[in-house]
Amino acid sequence: MTVSVFSAHQADAILTRAVTNGQMRAAVLFARIGDHVHHKSFGDAKSVDASFLLGSITKPIAIAALMTLFDQGKFGLDDLVKRYVPEFHGDRKDRVTIRHLLTHVSGLPDQLPDNAHLRRSHAPLMEFVNGTMRVPLRFEPGSKYEYSSMAILLASEIAQRISGIEFREFVARVVLQPLGMVHSAFGTGQLQPDDMMPCQVEFGAIESGGGSADSRGWDWNSSYWRNLGAPWGGAQASAKDVAIFLEEFLHPTGKILRPEVAKLMIQNHNPVGLVPRGLGLDVGMNDVFHEVSIKTFGHTGSTGTIAWADPERDCVCVVLTTLPADATQEHPRQLVSRCIAAC
């Protein structure tokens, strides 16, 4: 099966229209079905290699780095978090496992109550980690699903403590470099200013300042946020690099994880009755748009990004844009995804 000329034309037309009418400033589309690849840039993205702020697509990349340590036998998924982070203890925290962190059932909140203050004061990542140690759990671990960026942060702290390597560097060593993701970085890394597409922060999410004037020093476009490399949303990458990452789970090569560990990441780990989740990955993406199979995995990002792979159809689709997800109900990333999925 290939991406039909008609479907590629439709997808291109959606993004071209969004750029032409001023809704969106830049986008890059990468789609592969079978042996056929379609790759194109739009608007201010003068090259298909332009890097976009991924938002939460950062999470599965961060967790893949952590899972390289699992692959080496350095931890178990059902190990208690406090074994590796002793400061995380007391009350229900003593029952939180690493698997709970990776599948959003730990009880930790999405963002810290003082998130805006921390960002406004240009706090280092360790201050967010310390806040995560202190914040009360919202429910009994494993009993409920609640999306949690801070759970991913804590999982990344575990990776840093086990490896002894600063997390941004660790991700580069064990994921980005082995896969040849040369247009990607946690933080700015080797990326040049002209390589990085600025977000349309006037439509930004609440946790990023929501486009308010006083958030300019810490919003998605600020040097503070771009350099922080937050494990829950601060990676920057090109569309092809994200596709390369997804391909490693669709057709594992063993470059970063043994195939059986890669497959483990795209299996549901939550009990019946809770939202299905893989390890750092969304495995219920047919609920996001119904044109894909139940086996489809990937992630979305509040910065206006989406990346998914459908094993049943041997298909990968990555749509990176500068238009935040909440800017419109019919976001072009969704329209393009449906177009590619339906071909």
Protein backbone atom coordinates (compact mmCIF):
# COMPACT_ATOMS: atom_id res chain seq x y z
CA MET A 1 0.00 0.00 0.00
CA THR A 2 1.26 3.48 -0.78
CA VAL A 3 0.29 7.03 0.04
CA SER A 4 -1.90 7.78 -2.95
CA VAL A 5 -1.22 10.91 -4.99
CA PHE A 6 -4.73 12.05 -4.12
CA SER A 7 -4.22 11.60 -0.38
CA ALA A 8 -0.84 13.37 -0.44
CA HIS A 9 -2.41 16.21 -2.41
CA GLN A 10 -5.25 16.44 0.12
CA ALA A 11 -2.85 16.51 3.06
CA ASP A 12 -0.68 19.14 1.40
CA ALA A 13 -3.75 21.23 0.62
CA ILE A 14 -4.85 21.22 4.27
CA LEU A 15 -1.48 22.53 5.48
CA THR A 16 -1.05 24.94 2.57
CA ARG A 17 -4.47 26.43 3.26
CA ALA A 18 -3.72 26.79 6.98
CA VAL A 19 -0.50 28.66 6.21
CA THR A 20 -1.98 30.79 3.42
CA ASN A 21 -4.93 31.98 5.49
CA GLY A 22 -2.66 32.91 8.41
CA GLN A 23 -3.95 30.25 10.79
CA MET A 24 -0.57 28.52 10.99
CA ARG A 25 2.94 29.83 10.45
CA ALA A 26 4.84 26.63 9.74
CA ALA A 27 4.46 22.88 9.42
CA VAL A 28 6.27 19.78 8.18
CA LEU A 29 4.57 16.54 7.19
CA PHE A 30 6.24 13.14 7.03
CA ALA A 31 4.17 10.14 6.02
CA ARG A 32 5.16 6.61 5.05
CA ILE A 33 2.88 3.79 4.01
CA GLY A 34 4.66 0.70 2.81
CA ASP A 35 7.53 1.71 0.55
CA HIS A 36 6.20 5.15 -0.29
CA VAL A 37 7.25 8.30 1.58
CA HIS A 38 5.77 11.78 1.43
CA HIS A 39 7.79 14.58 3.08
CA LYS A 40 7.09 18.30 2.70
CA SER A 41 7.53 21.63 4.51
CA PHE A 42 5.10 24.53 4.64
CA GLY A 43 5.17 28.24 5.49
CA ASP A 44 8.12 29.47 7.53
CA ALA A 45 9.63 25.98 7.59
CA LYS A 46 12.00 26.46 4.69
CA SER A 47 13.36 22.93 4.98
CA VAL A 48 11.87 19.56 5.84
CA ASP A 49 14.63 19.34 8.46
CA ALA A 50 13.24 22.25 10.49
CA SER A 51 12.93 21.41 14.18
CA PHE A 52 9.71 21.99 16.13
CA LEU A 53 9.03 22.02 19.85
CA LEU A 54 7.46 18.58 20.26
CA GLY A 55 5.44 19.17 23.42
CA SER A 56 4.44 15.83 24.90
CA ILE A 57 5.89 13.78 22.05
CA THR A 58 8.99 14.39 24.18
CA LYS A 59 7.67 11.89 26.73
CA PRO A 60 8.08 8.63 24.76
CA ILE A 61 11.59 9.66 23.71
CA ALA A 62 12.49 10.30 27.36
CA ILE A 63 11.00 6.98 28.45
CA ALA A 64 12.79 5.09 25.69
CA ALA A 65 16.02 6.39 27.20
CA LEU A 66 14.95 5.15 30.64
CA MET A 67 14.02 1.77 29.15
CA THR A 68 17.57 1.24 27.91
CA LEU A 69 18.42 0.81 31.60
CA PHE A 70 15.55 -1.66 32.01
CA ASP A 71 17.00 -3.52 29.02
CA GLN A 72 20.29 -3.79 30.94
CA GLY A 73 18.55 -5.17 34.03
CA LYS A 74 19.16 -2.00 36.07
CA PHE A 75 15.56 -1.79 37.34
CA GLY A 76 12.20 -3.55 37.18
CA LEU A 77 8.92 -1.98 36.14
CA ASP A 78 7.30 -2.93 39.42
CA ASP A 79 10.16 -1.64 41.53
CA LEU A 80 9.09 1.02 44.00
CA VAL A 81 10.11 4.55 43.02
CA LYS A 82 11.49 5.20 46.52
CA ARG A 83 14.14 2.53 45.91
CA TYR A 84 15.83 4.88 43.43
CA VAL A 85 14.59 8.22 44.78
CA PRO A 86 14.48 7.82 48.59
CA GLU A 87 13.19 11.38 49.02
CA PHE A 88 9.93 10.28 47.39
CA HIS A 89 8.26 8.60 50.35
CA GLY A 90 5.50 8.81 52.89
CA ASP A 91 1.83 7.92 52.82
CA ARG A 92 0.71 6.55 49.44
CA LYS A 93 4.01 7.46 47.74
CA ASP A 94 5.55 4.35 49.28
CA ARG A 95 3.37 2.29 46.92
CA VAL A 96 4.18 4.05 43.63
CA THR A 97 6.04 1.87 41.13
CA ILE A 98 7.97 2.84 38.02
CA ARG A 99 5.23 1.26 35.89
CA HIS A 100 2.72 3.59 37.57
CA LEU A 101 4.83 6.59 36.51
CA LEU A 102 5.07 5.48 32.89
CA THR A 103 1.35 4.77 32.46
CA HIS A 104 -0.11 7.87 34.19
CA VAL A 105 -1.66 6.06 37.15
CA SER A 106 0.76 7.20 39.89
CA GLY A 107 -1.44 9.87 41.44
CA LEU A 108 1.02 12.64 40.65
CA PRO A 109 -0.44 15.78 39.02
CA ASP A 110 0.17 16.87 35.46
CA GLN A 111 1.81 20.13 36.55
CA LEU A 112 2.93 21.38 39.97
CA PRO A 113 0.71 23.93 41.73
CA ASP A 114 3.53 26.48 41.51
CA ASN A 115 4.45 25.65 37.91
CA ALA A 116 4.08 29.25 36.71
CA HIS A 117 6.19 30.60 39.58
CA LEU A 118 8.94 28.07 38.90
CA ARG A 119 9.04 28.93 35.23
CA ARG A 120 8.80 32.65 35.84
CA SER A 121 11.83 32.41 38.14
CA HIS A 122 13.73 30.29 35.57
CA ALA A 123 14.00 27.37 37.97
CA PRO A 124 16.31 24.49 37.00
CA LEU A 125 14.79 21.05 36.46
CA MET A 126 15.88 19.94 39.91
CA GLU A 127 13.46 22.42 41.48
CA PHE A 128 10.63 20.76 39.56
CA VAL A 129 11.89 17.38 40.77
CA ASN A 130 11.96 18.62 44.36
CA GLY A 131 8.43 19.92 43.98
CA THR A 132 7.33 16.53 42.69
CA MET A 133 8.80 14.90 45.80
CA ARG A 134 6.66 17.15 48.01
CA VAL A 135 3.36 17.37 46.17
CA PRO A 136 0.59 15.14 47.60
CA LEU A 137 -0.73 12.30 45.45
CA ARG A 138 -4.20 12.88 44.06
CA PHE A 139 -5.34 9.25 44.44
CA GLU A 140 -4.23 5.75 45.38
CA PRO A 141 -1.50 4.59 42.96
CA GLY A 142 -2.86 2.31 40.25
CA SER A 143 -6.51 3.06 40.99
CA LYS A 144 -7.14 5.81 38.47
CA TYR A 145 -5.78 7.27 35.23
CA GLU A 146 -4.73 10.91 35.27
CA TYR A 147 -2.26 12.26 32.74
CA SER A 148 0.89 13.34 34.56
CA SER A 149 3.86 15.25 33.18
CA MET A 150 5.45 15.21 36.63
CA ALA A 151 5.39 11.40 36.65
CA ILE A 152 7.49 11.43 33.49
CA LEU A 153 9.84 13.95 35.10
CA LEU A 154 10.31 11.65 38.09
CA ALA A 155 10.96 8.69 35.78
CA SER A 156 13.63 10.77 34.04
CA GLU A 157 15.18 11.56 37.42
CA ILE A 158 15.40 7.81 38.05
CA ALA A 159 17.23 7.39 34.73
CA GLN A 160 19.64 10.16 35.65
CA ARG A 161 20.38 8.64 39.07
CA ILE A 162 20.88 5.10 37.78
CA SER A 163 23.02 6.16 34.80
CA GLY A 164 24.95 8.90 36.59
CA ILE A 165 24.62 11.03 33.45
CA GLU A 166 22.75 14.34 33.14
CA PHE A 167 19.45 13.40 31.50
CA ARG A 168 19.70 15.53 28.36
CA GLU A 169 23.11 14.05 27.61
CA PHE A 170 21.85 10.57 28.48
CA VAL A 171 19.00 10.83 25.94
CA ALA A 172 21.43 12.02 23.29
CA ARG A 173 23.80 9.10 23.95
CA VAL A 174 21.28 6.26 24.11
CA VAL A 175 18.47 7.39 21.76
CA LEU A 176 19.20 10.34 19.49
CA GLN A 177 22.71 9.42 18.41
CA PRO A 178 22.16 5.66 17.88
CA LEU A 179 19.09 6.40 15.73
CA GLY A 180 20.79 9.18 13.79
CA MET A 181 18.28 11.81 14.94
CA VAL A 182 20.62 14.65 13.96
CA HIS A 183 17.93 17.35 13.92
CA SER A 184 16.78 16.64 17.48
CA ALA A 185 17.79 17.72 20.97
CA PHE A 186 16.61 17.90 24.56
CA GLY A 187 17.33 21.57 25.06
CA THR A 188 18.87 23.36 22.10
CA GLY A 189 21.86 21.03 21.78
CA GLN A 190 23.49 21.41 18.38
CA LEU A 191 20.44 23.10 16.84
CA GLN A 192 20.87 26.56 15.39
CA PRO A 193 18.36 29.37 16.04
CA ASP A 194 17.19 29.34 12.42
CA ASP A 195 16.54 25.59 12.66
CA MET A 196 13.94 25.97 15.43
CA MET A 197 10.39 27.00 14.58
CA PRO A 198 8.82 29.40 17.11
CA CYS A 199 5.44 28.42 18.50
CA GLN A 200 2.38 30.63 18.09
CA VAL A 201 2.37 31.34 21.82
CA GLU A 202 -0.66 33.62 21.59
CA PHE A 203 -2.60 30.34 21.56
CA GLY A 204 -0.35 28.64 24.12
CA ALA A 205 -1.49 26.25 26.82
CA ILE A 206 -2.15 27.57 30.32
CA GLU A 207 0.93 25.86 31.72
CA SER A 208 3.09 27.65 29.15
CA GLY A 209 1.75 31.08 29.97
CA GLY A 210 -1.18 30.99 27.58
CA GLY A 211 0.18 33.86 25.55
CA SER A 212 0.05 36.35 28.42
CA ALA A 213 2.44 39.26 28.19
CA ASP A 214 4.18 38.43 31.47
CA SER A 215 5.07 34.93 30.26
CA ARG A 216 7.43 36.01 27.49
CA GLY A 217 10.45 35.18 29.58
CA TRP A 218 9.34 31.60 30.20
CA ASP A 219 6.88 30.61 27.47
CA TRP A 220 7.51 28.01 24.78
CA ASN A 221 9.63 30.40 22.71
CA SER A 222 11.80 31.70 25.56
CA SER A 223 15.46 30.80 25.74
CA TYR A 224 14.76 29.50 29.26
CA TRP A 225 12.26 26.90 28.08
CA ARG A 226 14.12 25.97 24.91
CA ASN A 227 17.32 25.32 26.87
CA LEU A 228 15.66 23.54 29.80
CA GLY A 229 14.90 20.39 27.81
CA ALA A 230 12.00 19.38 30.06
CA PRO A 231 11.54 15.59 29.82
CA TRP A 232 7.78 16.03 29.66
CA GLY A 233 7.63 18.53 26.81
CA GLY A 234 10.86 20.30 25.94
CA ALA A 235 12.44 18.25 23.14
CA GLN A 236 12.85 19.72 19.67
CA ALA A 237 13.00 17.58 16.55
CA SER A 238 12.34 17.34 12.85
CA ALA A 239 9.42 15.35 11.48
CA LYS A 240 11.70 12.76 9.90
CA ASP A 241 13.58 12.27 13.18
CA VAL A 242 10.30 11.62 15.00
CA ALA A 243 9.38 9.14 12.27
CA ILE A 244 12.76 7.42 12.71
CA PHE A 245 11.97 7.07 16.40
CA LEU A 246 8.53 5.53 15.74
CA GLU A 247 9.98 3.15 13.17
CA GLU A 248 12.15 1.66 15.90
CA PHE A 249 8.98 0.37 17.56
CA LEU A 250 7.18 -0.53 14.36
CA HIS A 251 10.18 -2.46 12.99
CA PRO A 252 12.69 -2.83 15.87
CA THR A 253 16.33 -3.01 14.85
CA GLY A 254 17.86 -3.25 18.32
CA LYS A 255 19.74 0.05 17.93
CA ILE A 256 18.39 1.35 21.23
CA LEU A 257 16.33 -1.50 22.73
CA ARG A 258 16.07 -5.22 22.22
CA PRO A 259 13.01 -5.90 20.01
CA GLU A 260 11.13 -7.54 22.87
CA VAL A 261 11.61 -4.44 25.03
CA ALA A 262 10.53 -2.16 22.18
CA LYS A 263 7.37 -4.25 21.80
CA LEU A 264 6.79 -4.02 25.55
CA MET A 265 6.60 -0.24 25.27
CA ILE A 266 3.72 -0.34 22.80
CA GLN A 267 1.59 -2.78 24.79
CA ASN A 268 -1.15 -1.69 27.17
CA HIS A 269 -0.04 -1.87 30.82
CA ASN A 270 -3.13 -0.47 32.54
CA PRO A 271 -5.85 -2.70 34.00
CA VAL A 272 -9.28 -3.05 32.42
CA GLY A 273 -11.39 0.00 33.18
CA LEU A 274 -8.53 2.49 32.97
CA VAL A 275 -7.34 4.37 29.90
CA PRO A 276 -4.94 2.07 28.01
CA ARG A 277 -1.33 3.22 27.95
CA GLY A 278 1.97 1.80 26.84
CA LEU A 279 5.23 2.77 28.52
CA GLY A 280 5.40 6.48 27.78
CA LEU A 281 3.30 5.94 24.65
CA ASP A 282 -0.38 6.31 23.86
CA VAL A 283 -1.64 2.95 22.62
CA GLY A 284 -5.29 3.93 22.21
CA MET A 285 -4.94 6.36 19.33
CA ASN A 286 -7.96 4.95 17.51
CA ASP A 287 -9.88 6.92 20.14
CA VAL A 288 -8.16 10.10 18.93
CA PHE A 289 -9.25 9.48 15.34
CA HIS A 290 -11.15 6.41 14.23
CA GLU A 291 -9.50 5.86 10.86
CA VAL A 292 -6.55 3.95 12.37
CA SER A 293 -6.42 0.43 13.80
CA ILE A 294 -6.64 -0.45 17.48
CA LYS A 295 -2.90 -1.27 17.43
CA THR A 296 -1.89 2.29 16.55
CA PHE A 297 0.57 3.93 18.96
CA GLY A 298 2.19 7.33 19.23
CA HIS A 299 1.63 10.63 21.01
CA THR A 300 0.35 14.17 20.60
CA GLY A 301 1.79 17.47 21.82
CA SER A 302 0.07 20.61 23.07
CA THR A 303 2.43 22.66 20.91
CA GLY A 304 0.50 21.42 17.85
CA THR A 305 2.17 18.13 17.01
CA ILE A 306 1.08 14.55 16.41
CA ALA A 307 3.00 11.36 15.63
CA TRP A 308 1.61 7.88 15.18
CA ALA A 309 2.32 4.48 13.66
CA ASP A 310 -0.19 1.82 12.64
CA PRO A 311 1.31 -1.70 12.60
CA GLU A 312 -1.66 -3.18 10.77
CA ARG A 313 -1.11 -0.91 7.78
CA ASP A 314 2.66 -0.42 8.16
CA CYS A 315 2.09 3.32 8.30
CA VAL A 316 3.87 6.21 10.03
CA CYS A 317 2.60 9.78 10.14
CA VAL A 318 4.19 12.82 11.76
CA VAL A 319 2.68 16.30 11.56
CA LEU A 320 4.63 19.06 13.30
CA THR A 321 3.12 22.55 13.38
CA THR A 322 3.55 25.86 15.17
CA LEU A 323 -0.19 26.13 15.94
CA PRO A 324 -0.96 24.96 19.52
CA ALA A 325 -3.41 22.10 19.88
CA ASP A 326 -6.09 24.09 21.68
CA ALA A 327 -6.15 26.91 19.12
CA THR A 328 -8.92 25.23 17.13
CA GLN A 329 -11.18 22.18 17.39
CA GLU A 330 -10.44 21.09 13.82
CA HIS A 331 -6.68 21.30 14.07
CA PRO A 332 -4.83 20.76 10.76
CA ARG A 333 -2.69 18.04 12.38
CA GLN A 334 -5.86 16.03 12.97
CA LEU A 335 -7.25 16.64 9.51
CA VAL A 336 -3.97 15.56 7.90
CA SER A 337 -3.77 12.47 10.11
CA ARG A 338 -7.25 11.41 9.06
CA CYS A 339 -6.36 12.01 5.43
CA ILE A 340 -3.22 9.82 5.64
CA ALA A 341 -4.98 7.15 7.72
CA ALA A 342 -7.85 6.89 5.24
CA CYS A 343 -5.74 6.41 2.13
